[in-house]
Amino acid sequence: MKENKLAKELSKCHLVVSAGGQTLYELASMGVPSCCVLTSVDQKLDCDGFISSGLSFSTKLSTIIKGELINDLKKINFTELQKMSKICLKSMGNGQLLKAEVKKYLCI
């Protein structure tokens, strides 16, 4: 799938399950809440930051492997997703938070 088609499809979602990498930032900038899955130790800071900021929920990779993700997702109500979407847009929609994080990461 080409990037523009993927972005269009993701922007229609109420929630996207994603590894804790760059996609979290892309989803938040589109106002799409995420369920963060830590798949690598180097993603921990991003996942923790997104979760504590109200931009993402979390689940464990083992939960997905066991086929139990649906149980975690059933606990999330639509009102929470709408609230998260607003937080995402407010925090990331104008790109200012992303820009600040990139500057911090690059130490500039």
Protein backbone atom coordinates (compact mmCIF):
# COMPACT_ATOMS: atom_id res chain seq x y z
CA MET A 1 0.00 0.00 0.00
CA LYS A 2 1.36 3.43 -0.88
CA GLU A 3 2.00 5.94 1.89
CA ASN A 4 -0.74 8.37 0.89
CA LYS A 5 -3.34 5.59 0.75
CA LEU A 6 -2.20 4.24 4.12
CA ALA A 7 -2.41 7.71 5.67
CA LYS A 8 -5.91 8.18 4.24
CA GLU A 9 -7.07 4.84 5.65
CA LEU A 10 -5.48 5.44 9.06
CA SER A 11 -7.09 8.89 9.30
CA LYS A 12 -10.52 7.20 9.14
CA CYS A 13 -9.83 5.02 12.17
CA HIS A 14 -11.14 5.57 15.69
CA LEU A 15 -8.10 3.76 17.12
CA VAL A 16 -4.97 2.20 15.62
CA VAL A 17 -2.85 -0.47 17.29
CA SER A 18 0.74 0.47 16.58
CA ALA A 19 4.26 -0.31 17.69
CA GLY A 20 5.86 2.48 19.69
CA GLY A 21 7.74 4.14 16.85
CA GLN A 22 7.32 7.00 14.41
CA THR A 23 3.76 5.99 13.56
CA LEU A 24 2.60 7.19 16.99
CA TYR A 25 3.59 10.73 16.03
CA GLU A 26 1.93 10.46 12.64
CA LEU A 27 -1.30 9.14 14.12
CA ALA A 28 -1.41 11.83 16.78
CA SER A 29 -0.83 14.56 14.21
CA MET A 30 -3.93 13.27 12.38
CA GLY A 31 -5.96 13.17 15.60
CA VAL A 32 -6.09 9.37 15.65
CA PRO A 33 -5.68 7.77 19.09
CA SER A 34 -3.41 4.75 19.33
CA CYS A 35 -2.91 1.62 21.34
CA CYS A 36 0.85 1.49 21.81
CA VAL A 37 2.64 -1.84 21.74
CA LEU A 38 6.21 -1.85 22.97
CA THR A 39 8.08 -4.04 20.51
CA SER A 40 11.60 -2.80 21.25
CA VAL A 41 13.33 -1.34 24.30
CA ASP A 42 14.19 1.84 22.38
CA GLN A 43 10.46 2.59 22.03
CA LYS A 44 9.84 2.75 25.78
CA LEU A 45 10.29 6.51 26.19
CA ASP A 46 7.93 7.24 23.28
CA CYS A 47 5.29 4.82 24.53
CA ASP A 48 5.52 6.11 28.11
CA GLY A 49 5.30 9.71 26.93
CA PHE A 50 2.30 9.10 24.70
CA ILE A 51 0.49 7.17 27.41
CA SER A 52 1.16 9.73 30.16
CA SER A 53 0.09 12.56 27.83
CA GLY A 54 -3.24 10.88 27.09
CA LEU A 55 -2.35 10.32 23.44
CA SER A 56 -2.28 6.53 23.61
CA PHE A 57 -3.40 3.45 25.49
CA SER A 58 -1.01 0.57 25.95
CA THR A 59 -1.06 -3.17 25.58
CA LYS A 60 1.60 -5.82 25.75
CA LEU A 61 2.91 -7.78 22.81
CA SER A 62 2.17 -10.96 24.75
CA THR A 63 -1.49 -9.90 24.91
CA ILE A 64 -1.61 -9.75 21.12
CA ILE A 65 0.24 -13.05 20.73
CA LYS A 66 -2.22 -14.76 23.10
CA GLY A 67 -5.14 -13.38 21.09
CA GLU A 68 -6.41 -11.36 24.05
CA LEU A 69 -6.17 -7.86 22.54
CA ILE A 70 -9.92 -7.72 22.03
CA ASN A 71 -10.37 -7.87 25.83
CA ASP A 72 -8.22 -4.75 26.26
CA LEU A 73 -10.02 -2.93 23.44
CA LYS A 74 -13.46 -3.70 24.88
CA LYS A 75 -12.51 -1.70 27.97
CA ILE A 76 -12.16 1.48 25.90
CA ASN A 77 -15.32 3.48 25.33
CA PHE A 78 -16.00 5.77 22.40
CA THR A 79 -16.12 8.89 24.59
CA GLU A 80 -12.55 8.18 25.73
CA LEU A 81 -11.46 7.85 22.10
CA GLN A 82 -13.08 11.18 21.19
CA LYS A 83 -11.32 12.83 24.14
CA MET A 84 -7.99 11.30 23.08
CA SER A 85 -8.53 12.49 19.53
CA LYS A 86 -8.96 16.05 20.76
CA ILE A 87 -5.84 15.77 22.92
CA CYS A 88 -3.91 14.44 19.92
CA LEU A 89 -5.00 17.32 17.71
CA LYS A 90 -4.35 19.89 20.41
CA SER A 91 -0.91 18.50 21.19
CA MET A 92 0.26 17.42 17.77
CA GLY A 93 -2.17 18.71 15.18
CA ASN A 94 -0.32 21.93 14.56
CA GLY A 95 3.02 20.17 14.61
CA GLN A 96 4.46 22.31 17.42
CA LEU A 97 4.92 19.46 19.89
CA LEU A 98 6.42 17.24 17.23
CA LYS A 99 8.77 20.04 16.19
CA ALA A 100 9.82 20.57 19.81
CA GLU A 101 10.42 16.86 20.34
CA VAL A 102 12.50 16.60 17.18
CA LYS A 103 14.60 19.59 18.28
CA LYS A 104 15.07 18.01 21.70
CA TYR A 105 16.03 14.69 20.13
CA LEU A 106 18.54 16.37 17.83
CA CYS A 107 19.81 18.55 20.70
CA ILE A 108 19.24 21.81 18.79
